Amino acid sequence: MAWMTKYTLAVIPPALFFALWKLGVFSYHHFNCQGNIKNLAPCSVGGFDLLPWLGFGMFWSPILFWLSLPISAFFLIDIGAKHIGSKRGVQ
């Protein structure tokens, strides 16, 4: 596997959770949904219920983002060390 692929795979989880978090907040404001995170009022767009998506985007995504960030940093450091080690011939 190429090094750039390994770096990209290490960065994807926090980037994805951050994007879902911001998409949930944007959707909440853009579609004029009411309520707070624990008590969202029914919110639908064109017959499509947004509540499950808003719940994941506004509650679970920030939690998973902060959990995946140090794990991703660990993998980036590990991949970087192996990448530098492979250039020097050290295994």
PDB file of N, CA and C in Angstrom:
ATOM      1  N   MET A   1       0.856  -1.170   0.000  1.00  0.00           N
ATOM      2  CA  MET A   1       0.000   0.000   0.000  1.00  0.00           C
ATOM      3  C   MET A   1       0.904   1.236   0.000  1.00  0.00           C
ATOM      4  N   ALA A   2       0.534   2.221  -0.780  1.00  0.00           N
ATOM      5  CA  ALA A   2       1.329   3.438  -0.886  1.00  0.00           C
ATOM      6  C   ALA A   2       1.246   4.250   0.407  1.00  0.00           C
ATOM      7  N   TRP A   3       2.299   5.025   0.666  1.00  0.00           N
ATOM      8  CA  TRP A   3       2.348   5.803   1.903  1.00  0.00           C
ATOM      9  C   TRP A   3       1.235   6.843   1.956  1.00  0.00           C
ATOM     10  N   MET A   4       0.963   7.485   0.830  1.00  0.00           N
ATOM     11  CA  MET A   4      -0.086   8.502   0.819  1.00  0.00           C
ATOM     12  C   MET A   4      -1.450   7.883   1.148  1.00  0.00           C
ATOM     13  N   THR A   5      -1.685   6.668   0.729  1.00  0.00           N
ATOM     14  CA  THR A   5      -2.922   5.972   1.050  1.00  0.00           C
ATOM     15  C   THR A   5      -3.021   5.708   2.545  1.00  0.00           C
ATOM     16  N   LYS A   6      -1.921   5.320   3.142  1.00  0.00           N
ATOM     17  CA  LYS A   6      -1.915   5.071   4.586  1.00  0.00           C
ATOM     18  C   LYS A   6      -2.188   6.356   5.366  1.00  0.00           C
ATOM     19  N   TYR A   7      -1.551   7.436   4.960  1.00  0.00           N
ATOM     20  CA  TYR A   7      -1.804   8.726   5.618  1.00  0.00           C
ATOM     21  C   TYR A   7      -3.265   9.147   5.463  1.00  0.00           C
ATOM     22  N   THR A   8      -3.800   8.970   4.273  1.00  0.00           N
ATOM     23  CA  THR A   8      -5.189   9.350   4.011  1.00  0.00           C
ATOM     24  C   THR A   8      -6.158   8.525   4.848  1.00  0.00           C
ATOM     25  N   LEU A   9      -5.923   7.235   4.931  1.00  0.00           N
ATOM     26  CA  LEU A   9      -6.797   6.375   5.735  1.00  0.00           C
ATOM     27  C   LEU A   9      -6.743   6.725   7.221  1.00  0.00           C
ATOM     28  N   ALA A  10      -5.615   7.222   7.685  1.00  0.00           N
ATOM     29  CA  ALA A  10      -5.500   7.614   9.092  1.00  0.00           C
ATOM     30  C   ALA A  10      -6.258   8.905   9.379  1.00  0.00           C
ATOM     31  N   VAL A  11      -6.419   9.759   8.376  1.00  0.00           N
ATOM     32  CA  VAL A  11      -7.056  11.068   8.566  1.00  0.00           C
ATOM     33  C   VAL A  11      -8.564  11.028   8.314  1.00  0.00           C
ATOM     34  N   ILE A  12      -9.045  10.046   7.579  1.00  0.00           N
ATOM     35  CA  ILE A  12     -10.459  10.009   7.173  1.00  0.00           C
ATOM     36  C   ILE A  12     -11.445  10.006   8.345  1.00  0.00           C
ATOM     37  N   PRO A  13     -11.308   9.175   9.389  1.00  0.00           N
ATOM     38  CA  PRO A  13     -12.339   9.158  10.440  1.00  0.00           C
ATOM     39  C   PRO A  13     -12.609  10.503  11.109  1.00  0.00           C
ATOM     40  N   PRO A  14     -11.607  11.227  11.614  1.00  0.00           N
ATOM     41  CA  PRO A  14     -11.947  12.508  12.227  1.00  0.00           C
ATOM     42  C   PRO A  14     -12.495  13.518  11.220  1.00  0.00           C
ATOM     43  N   ALA A  15     -11.987  13.484   9.991  1.00  0.00           N
ATOM     44  CA  ALA A  15     -12.487  14.407   8.973  1.00  0.00           C
ATOM     45  C   ALA A  15     -13.953  14.118   8.652  1.00  0.00           C
ATOM     46  N   LEU A  16     -14.304  12.840   8.576  1.00  0.00           N
ATOM     47  CA  LEU A  16     -15.686  12.460   8.294  1.00  0.00           C
ATOM     48  C   LEU A  16     -16.616  12.854   9.432  1.00  0.00           C
ATOM     49  N   PHE A  17     -16.219  12.580  10.670  1.00  0.00           N
ATOM     50  CA  PHE A  17     -17.070  12.940  11.806  1.00  0.00           C
ATOM     51  C   PHE A  17     -17.205  14.456  11.943  1.00  0.00           C
ATOM     52  N   PHE A  18     -16.138  15.213  11.642  1.00  0.00           N
ATOM     53  CA  PHE A  18     -16.224  16.667  11.693  1.00  0.00           C
ATOM     54  C   PHE A  18     -17.189  17.182  10.623  1.00  0.00           C
ATOM     55  N   ALA A  19     -17.110  16.615   9.413  1.00  0.00           N
ATOM     56  CA  ALA A  19     -18.005  17.027   8.331  1.00  0.00           C
ATOM     57  C   ALA A  19     -19.459  16.705   8.667  1.00  0.00           C
ATOM     58  N   LEU A  20     -19.719  15.525   9.247  1.00  0.00           N
ATOM     59  CA  LEU A  20     -21.088  15.166   9.628  1.00  0.00           C
ATOM     60  C   LEU A  20     -21.609  16.065  10.743  1.00  0.00           C
ATOM     61  N   TRP A  21     -20.750  16.444  11.649  1.00  0.00           N
ATOM     62  CA  TRP A  21     -21.104  17.352  12.738  1.00  0.00           C
ATOM     63  C   TRP A  21     -21.541  18.695  12.170  1.00  0.00           C
ATOM     64  N   LYS A  22     -20.724  19.252  11.295  1.00  0.00           N
ATOM     65  CA  LYS A  22     -21.047  20.557  10.718  1.00  0.00           C
ATOM     66  C   LYS A  22     -22.252  20.476   9.786  1.00  0.00           C
ATOM     67  N   LEU A  23     -22.436  19.362   9.093  1.00  0.00           N
ATOM     68  CA  LEU A  23     -23.611  19.180   8.247  1.00  0.00           C
ATOM     69  C   LEU A  23     -24.881  19.114   9.087  1.00  0.00           C
ATOM     70  N   GLY A  24     -24.823  18.460  10.242  1.00  0.00           N
ATOM     71  CA  GLY A  24     -25.974  18.403  11.134  1.00  0.00           C
ATOM     72  C   GLY A  24     -26.352  19.768  11.677  1.00  0.00           C
ATOM     73  N   VAL A  25     -25.363  20.547  12.075  1.00  0.00           N
ATOM     74  CA  VAL A  25     -25.626  21.898  12.586  1.00  0.00           C
ATOM     75  C   VAL A  25     -26.186  22.775  11.469  1.00  0.00           C
ATOM     76  N   PHE A  26     -25.604  22.677  10.269  1.00  0.00           N
ATOM     77  CA  PHE A  26     -26.107  23.449   9.140  1.00  0.00           C
ATOM     78  C   PHE A  26     -27.552  23.075   8.809  1.00  0.00           C
ATOM     79  N   SER A  27     -27.852  21.777   8.773  1.00  0.00           N
ATOM     80  CA  SER A  27     -29.206  21.317   8.455  1.00  0.00           C
ATOM     81  C   SER A  27     -30.208  21.797   9.493  1.00  0.00           C
ATOM     82  N   TYR A  28     -29.805  21.759  10.758  1.00  0.00           N
ATOM     83  CA  TYR A  28     -30.681  22.214  11.835  1.00  0.00           C
ATOM     84  C   TYR A  28     -31.082  23.676  11.623  1.00  0.00           C
ATOM     85  N   HIS A  29     -30.131  24.508  11.298  1.00  0.00           N
ATOM     86  CA  HIS A  29     -30.418  25.931  11.103  1.00  0.00           C
ATOM     87  C   HIS A  29     -31.076  26.208   9.758  1.00  0.00           C
ATOM     88  N   HIS A  30     -30.620  25.552   8.715  1.00  0.00           N
ATOM     89  CA  HIS A  30     -31.130  25.815   7.369  1.00  0.00           C
ATOM     90  C   HIS A  30     -32.601  25.416   7.212  1.00  0.00           C
ATOM     91  N   PHE A  31     -32.991  24.295   7.813  1.00  0.00           N
ATOM     92  CA  PHE A  31     -34.365  23.819   7.681  1.00  0.00           C
ATOM     93  C   PHE A  31     -35.249  24.260   8.838  1.00  0.00           C
ATOM     94  N   ASN A  32     -34.763  25.178   9.660  1.00  0.00           N
ATOM     95  CA  ASN A  32     -35.533  25.768  10.763  1.00  0.00           C
ATOM     96  C   ASN A  32     -36.113  24.724  11.711  1.00  0.00           C
ATOM     97  N   CYS A  33     -35.312  23.777  12.105  1.00  0.00           N
ATOM     98  CA  CYS A  33     -35.753  22.777  13.074  1.00  0.00           C
ATOM     99  C   CYS A  33     -35.799  23.421  14.453  1.00  0.00           C
ATOM    100  N   GLN A  34     -36.665  22.920  15.295  1.00  0.00           N
ATOM    101  CA  GLN A  34     -36.882  23.491  16.620  1.00  0.00           C
ATOM    102  C   GLN A  34     -36.488  22.486  17.698  1.00  0.00           C
ATOM    103  N   GLY A  35     -36.244  22.996  18.888  1.00  0.00           N
ATOM    104  CA  GLY A  35     -35.918  22.148  20.027  1.00  0.00           C
ATOM    105  C   GLY A  35     -34.426  22.172  20.308  1.00  0.00           C
ATOM    106  N   ASN A  36     -34.028  21.401  21.316  1.00  0.00           N
ATOM    107  CA  ASN A  36     -32.615  21.298  21.639  1.00  0.00           C
ATOM    108  C   ASN A  36     -32.144  19.881  21.359  1.00  0.00           C
ATOM    109  N   ILE A  37     -30.907  19.592  21.683  1.00  0.00           N
ATOM    110  CA  ILE A  37     -30.326  18.304  21.323  1.00  0.00           C
ATOM    111  C   ILE A  37     -31.031  17.129  22.002  1.00  0.00           C
ATOM    112  N   LYS A  38     -31.573  17.342  23.190  1.00  0.00           N
ATOM    113  CA  LYS A  38     -32.259  16.257  23.896  1.00  0.00           C
ATOM    114  C   LYS A  38     -33.734  16.171  23.557  1.00  0.00           C
ATOM    115  N   ASN A  39     -34.297  17.224  23.004  1.00  0.00           N
ATOM    116  CA  ASN A  39     -35.734  17.238  22.743  1.00  0.00           C
ATOM    117  C   ASN A  39     -36.006  17.932  21.410  1.00  0.00           C
ATOM    118  N   LEU A  40     -35.592  17.297  20.314  1.00  0.00           N
ATOM    119  CA  LEU A  40     -35.829  17.873  18.999  1.00  0.00           C
ATOM    120  C   LEU A  40     -37.289  17.706  18.610  1.00  0.00           C
ATOM    121  N   ALA A  41     -37.866  18.780  18.092  1.00  0.00           N
ATOM    122  CA  ALA A  41     -39.228  18.708  17.576  1.00  0.00           C
ATOM    123  C   ALA A  41     -39.181  18.012  16.220  1.00  0.00           C
ATOM    124  N   PRO A  42     -40.278  17.383  15.815  1.00  0.00           N
ATOM    125  CA  PRO A  42     -40.279  16.734  14.499  1.00  0.00           C
ATOM    126  C   PRO A  42     -39.862  17.711  13.406  1.00  0.00           C
ATOM    127  N   CYS A  43     -38.936  17.280  12.583  1.00  0.00           N
ATOM    128  CA  CYS A  43     -38.395  18.130  11.529  1.00  0.00           C
ATOM    129  C   CYS A  43     -38.286  17.290  10.265  1.00  0.00           C
ATOM    130  N   SER A  44     -38.969  17.707   9.225  1.00  0.00           N
ATOM    131  CA  SER A  44     -38.909  16.957   7.981  1.00  0.00           C
ATOM    132  C   SER A  44     -38.795  17.921   6.806  1.00  0.00           C
ATOM    133  N   VAL A  45     -38.222  17.414   5.740  1.00  0.00           N
ATOM    134  CA  VAL A  45     -38.055  18.189   4.520  1.00  0.00           C
ATOM    135  C   VAL A  45     -38.585  17.344   3.380  1.00  0.00           C
ATOM    136  N   GLY A  46     -39.649  17.804   2.748  1.00  0.00           N
ATOM    137  CA  GLY A  46     -40.216  17.074   1.621  1.00  0.00           C
ATOM    138  C   GLY A  46     -40.660  15.670   1.988  1.00  0.00           C
ATOM    139  N   GLY A  47     -41.139  15.478   3.196  1.00  0.00           N
ATOM    140  CA  GLY A  47     -41.582  14.161   3.638  1.00  0.00           C
ATOM    141  C   GLY A  47     -40.466  13.294   4.189  1.00  0.00           C
ATOM    142  N   PHE A  48     -39.250  13.762   4.170  1.00  0.00           N
ATOM    143  CA  PHE A  48     -38.105  13.010   4.696  1.00  0.00           C
ATOM    144  C   PHE A  48     -37.826  13.473   6.114  1.00  0.00           C
ATOM    145  N   ASP A  49     -37.853  12.530   7.060  1.00  0.00           N
ATOM    146  CA  ASP A  49     -37.643  12.852   8.467  1.00  0.00           C
ATOM    147  C   ASP A  49     -36.156  13.053   8.743  1.00  0.00           C
ATOM    148  N   LEU A  50     -35.805  14.223   9.251  1.00  0.00           N
ATOM    149  CA  LEU A  50     -34.411  14.551   9.534  1.00  0.00           C
ATOM    150  C   LEU A  50     -33.956  14.193  10.942  1.00  0.00           C
ATOM    151  N   LEU A  51     -34.863  13.792  11.820  1.00  0.00           N
ATOM    152  CA  LEU A  51     -34.497  13.576  13.221  1.00  0.00           C
ATOM    153  C   LEU A  51     -33.355  12.582  13.441  1.00  0.00           C
ATOM    154  N   PRO A  52     -33.369  11.406  12.800  1.00  0.00           N
ATOM    155  CA  PRO A  52     -32.239  10.496  13.036  1.00  0.00           C
ATOM    156  C   PRO A  52     -30.911  11.081  12.560  1.00  0.00           C
ATOM    157  N   TRP A  53     -30.931  11.768  11.442  1.00  0.00           N
ATOM    158  CA  TRP A  53     -29.708  12.359  10.904  1.00  0.00           C
ATOM    159  C   TRP A  53     -29.227  13.516  11.768  1.00  0.00           C
ATOM    160  N   LEU A  54     -30.156  14.315  12.249  1.00  0.00           N
ATOM    161  CA  LEU A  54     -29.780  15.409  13.143  1.00  0.00           C
ATOM    162  C   LEU A  54     -29.247  14.879  14.466  1.00  0.00           C
ATOM    163  N   GLY A  55     -29.869  13.833  14.976  1.00  0.00           N
ATOM    164  CA  GLY A  55     -29.399  13.233  16.217  1.00  0.00           C
ATOM    165  C   GLY A  55     -27.983  12.717  16.091  1.00  0.00           C
ATOM    166  N   PHE A  56     -27.698  12.030  14.993  1.00  0.00           N
ATOM    167  CA  PHE A  56     -26.335  11.532  14.788  1.00  0.00           C
ATOM    168  C   PHE A  56     -25.370  12.677  14.537  1.00  0.00           C
ATOM    169  N   GLY A  57     -25.778  13.618  13.695  1.00  0.00           N
ATOM    170  CA  GLY A  57     -24.890  14.709  13.319  1.00  0.00           C
ATOM    171  C   GLY A  57     -24.589  15.672  14.447  1.00  0.00           C
ATOM    172  N   MET A  58     -25.555  15.894  15.328  1.00  0.00           N
ATOM    173  CA  MET A  58     -25.359  16.894  16.371  1.00  0.00           C
ATOM    174  C   MET A  58     -24.988  16.288  17.729  1.00  0.00           C
ATOM    175  N   PHE A  59     -25.210  14.990  17.930  1.00  0.00           N
ATOM    176  CA  PHE A  59     -24.866  14.378  19.211  1.00  0.00           C
ATOM    177  C   PHE A  59     -23.693  13.416  19.086  1.00  0.00           C
ATOM    178  N   TRP A  60     -23.806  12.403  18.224  1.00  0.00           N
ATOM    179  CA  TRP A  60     -22.776  11.376  18.137  1.00  0.00           C
ATOM    180  C   TRP A  60     -21.528  11.837  17.401  1.00  0.00           C
ATOM    181  N   SER A  61     -21.684  12.653  16.368  1.00  0.00           N
ATOM    182  CA  SER A  61     -20.509  13.071  15.600  1.00  0.00           C
ATOM    183  C   SER A  61     -19.486  13.854  16.420  1.00  0.00           C
ATOM    184  N   PRO A  62     -19.893  14.832  17.255  1.00  0.00           N
ATOM    185  CA  PRO A  62     -18.861  15.500  18.063  1.00  0.00           C
ATOM    186  C   PRO A  62     -18.146  14.551  19.032  1.00  0.00           C
ATOM    187  N   ILE A  63     -18.896  13.636  19.611  1.00  0.00           N
ATOM    188  CA  ILE A  63     -18.281  12.673  20.537  1.00  0.00           C
ATOM    189  C   ILE A  63     -17.292  11.785  19.792  1.00  0.00           C
ATOM    190  N   LEU A  64     -17.717  11.247  18.651  1.00  0.00           N
ATOM    191  CA  LEU A  64     -16.842  10.370  17.882  1.00  0.00           C
ATOM    192  C   LEU A  64     -15.670  11.129  17.274  1.00  0.00           C
ATOM    193  N   PHE A  65     -15.873  12.406  16.949  1.00  0.00           N
ATOM    194  CA  PHE A  65     -14.771  13.221  16.433  1.00  0.00           C
ATOM    195  C   PHE A  65     -13.669  13.335  17.478  1.00  0.00           C
ATOM    196  N   TRP A  66     -14.036  13.705  18.699  1.00  0.00           N
ATOM    197  CA  TRP A  66     -13.024  13.893  19.740  1.00  0.00           C
ATOM    198  C   TRP A  66     -12.386  12.578  20.156  1.00  0.00           C
ATOM    199  N   LEU A  67     -13.117  11.467  20.035  1.00  0.00           N
ATOM    200  CA  LEU A  67     -12.521  10.158  20.326  1.00  0.00           C
ATOM    201  C   LEU A  67     -11.578   9.702  19.217  1.00  0.00           C
ATOM    202  N   SER A  68     -11.936   9.978  17.980  1.00  0.00           N
ATOM    203  CA  SER A  68     -11.108   9.516  16.862  1.00  0.00           C
ATOM    204  C   SER A  68      -9.884  10.394  16.622  1.00  0.00           C
ATOM    205  N   LEU A  69      -9.895  11.614  17.124  1.00  0.00           N
ATOM    206  CA  LEU A  69      -8.774  12.524  16.886  1.00  0.00           C
ATOM    207  C   LEU A  69      -7.449  12.018  17.481  1.00  0.00           C
ATOM    208  N   PRO A  70      -7.379  11.615  18.763  1.00  0.00           N
ATOM    209  CA  PRO A  70      -6.087  11.105  19.263  1.00  0.00           C
ATOM    210  C   PRO A  70      -5.697   9.766  18.646  1.00  0.00           C
ATOM    211  N   ILE A  71      -6.676   8.948  18.313  1.00  0.00           N
ATOM    212  CA  ILE A  71      -6.368   7.668  17.666  1.00  0.00           C
ATOM    213  C   ILE A  71      -5.763   7.924  16.293  1.00  0.00           C
ATOM    214  N   SER A  72      -6.345   8.863  15.574  1.00  0.00           N
ATOM    215  CA  SER A  72      -5.816   9.223  14.265  1.00  0.00           C
ATOM    216  C   SER A  72      -4.429   9.822  14.378  1.00  0.00           C
ATOM    217  N   ALA A  73      -4.207  10.662  15.383  1.00  0.00           N
ATOM    218  CA  ALA A  73      -2.882  11.253  15.586  1.00  0.00           C
ATOM    219  C   ALA A  73      -1.847  10.163  15.878  1.00  0.00           C
ATOM    220  N   PHE A  74      -2.230   9.179  16.682  1.00  0.00           N
ATOM    221  CA  PHE A  74      -1.320   8.061  16.963  1.00  0.00           C
ATOM    222  C   PHE A  74      -0.955   7.328  15.675  1.00  0.00           C
ATOM    223  N   PHE A  75      -1.959   7.041  14.848  1.00  0.00           N
ATOM    224  CA  PHE A  75      -1.687   6.334  13.589  1.00  0.00           C
ATOM    225  C   PHE A  75      -0.837   7.175  12.653  1.00  0.00           C
ATOM    226  N   LEU A  76      -1.072   8.486  12.613  1.00  0.00           N
ATOM    227  CA  LEU A  76      -0.252   9.344  11.764  1.00  0.00           C
ATOM    228  C   LEU A  76       1.205   9.351  12.217  1.00  0.00           C
ATOM    229  N   ILE A  77       1.428   9.417  13.517  1.00  0.00           N
ATOM    230  CA  ILE A  77       2.797   9.383  14.041  1.00  0.00           C
ATOM    231  C   ILE A  77       3.445   8.037  13.752  1.00  0.00           C
ATOM    232  N   ASP A  78       2.705   6.959  13.937  1.00  0.00           N
ATOM    233  CA  ASP A  78       3.225   5.618  13.673  1.00  0.00           C
ATOM    234  C   ASP A  78       3.568   5.443  12.191  1.00  0.00           C
ATOM    235  N   ILE A  79       2.680   5.871  11.319  1.00  0.00           N
ATOM    236  CA  ILE A  79       2.927   5.752   9.878  1.00  0.00           C
ATOM    237  C   ILE A  79       4.109   6.622   9.478  1.00  0.00           C
ATOM    238  N   GLY A  80       4.172   7.826  10.037  1.00  0.00           N
ATOM    239  CA  GLY A  80       5.302   8.702   9.731  1.00  0.00           C
ATOM    240  C   GLY A  80       6.626   8.108  10.171  1.00  0.00           C
ATOM    241  N   ALA A  81       6.661   7.500  11.353  1.00  0.00           N
ATOM    242  CA  ALA A  81       7.889   6.871  11.834  1.00  0.00           C
ATOM    243  C   ALA A  81       8.294   5.705  10.935  1.00  0.00           C
ATOM    244  N   LYS A  82       7.339   4.901  10.517  1.00  0.00           N
ATOM    245  CA  LYS A  82       7.648   3.782   9.625  1.00  0.00           C
ATOM    246  C   LYS A  82       8.097   4.284   8.254  1.00  0.00           C
ATOM    247  N   HIS A  83       7.484   5.367   7.795  1.00  0.00           N
ATOM    248  CA  HIS A  83       7.848   5.941   6.503  1.00  0.00           C
ATOM    249  C   HIS A  83       9.288   6.460   6.534  1.00  0.00           C
ATOM    250  N   ILE A  84       9.634   7.184   7.582  1.00  0.00           N
ATOM    251  CA  ILE A  84      11.003   7.689   7.713  1.00  0.00           C
ATOM    252  C   ILE A  84      11.979   6.537   7.899  1.00  0.00           C
ATOM    253  N   GLY A  85      11.576   5.538   8.685  1.00  0.00           N
ATOM    254  CA  GLY A  85      12.430   4.374   8.893  1.00  0.00           C
ATOM    255  C   GLY A  85      12.682   3.594   7.608  1.00  0.00           C
ATOM    256  N   SER A  86      11.673   3.510   6.751  1.00  0.00           N
ATOM    257  CA  SER A  86      11.851   2.778   5.496  1.00  0.00           C
ATOM    258  C   SER A  86      12.782   3.531   4.538  1.00  0.00           C
ATOM    259  N   LYS A  87      12.807   4.858   4.628  1.00  0.00           N
ATOM    260  CA  LYS A  87      13.710   5.642   3.777  1.00  0.00           C
ATOM    261  C   LYS A  87      15.167   5.473   4.226  1.00  0.00           C
ATOM    262  N   ARG A  88      15.354   5.282   5.518  1.00  0.00           N
ATOM    263  CA  ARG A  88      16.709   5.121   6.066  1.00  0.00           C
ATOM    264  C   ARG A  88      17.182   3.674   6.000  1.00  0.00           C
ATOM    265  N   GLY A  89      16.276   2.762   5.710  1.00  0.00           N
ATOM    266  CA  GLY A  89      16.650   1.355   5.656  1.00  0.00           C
ATOM    267  C   GLY A  89      16.531   0.647   6.983  1.00  0.00           C
ATOM    268  N   VAL A  90      15.966   1.308   7.997  1.00  0.00           N
ATOM    269  CA  VAL A  90      15.790   0.711   9.322  1.00  0.00           C
ATOM    270  C   VAL A  90      14.437   0.026   9.364  1.00  0.00           C
ATOM    271  N   GLN A  91      14.416  -1.167   9.970  1.00  0.00           N
ATOM    272  CA  GLN A  91      13.127  -1.847  10.055  1.00  0.00           C
ATOM    273  C   GLN A  91      12.757  -2.138  11.454  1.00  0.00           C
TER     274      GLN A  91
END
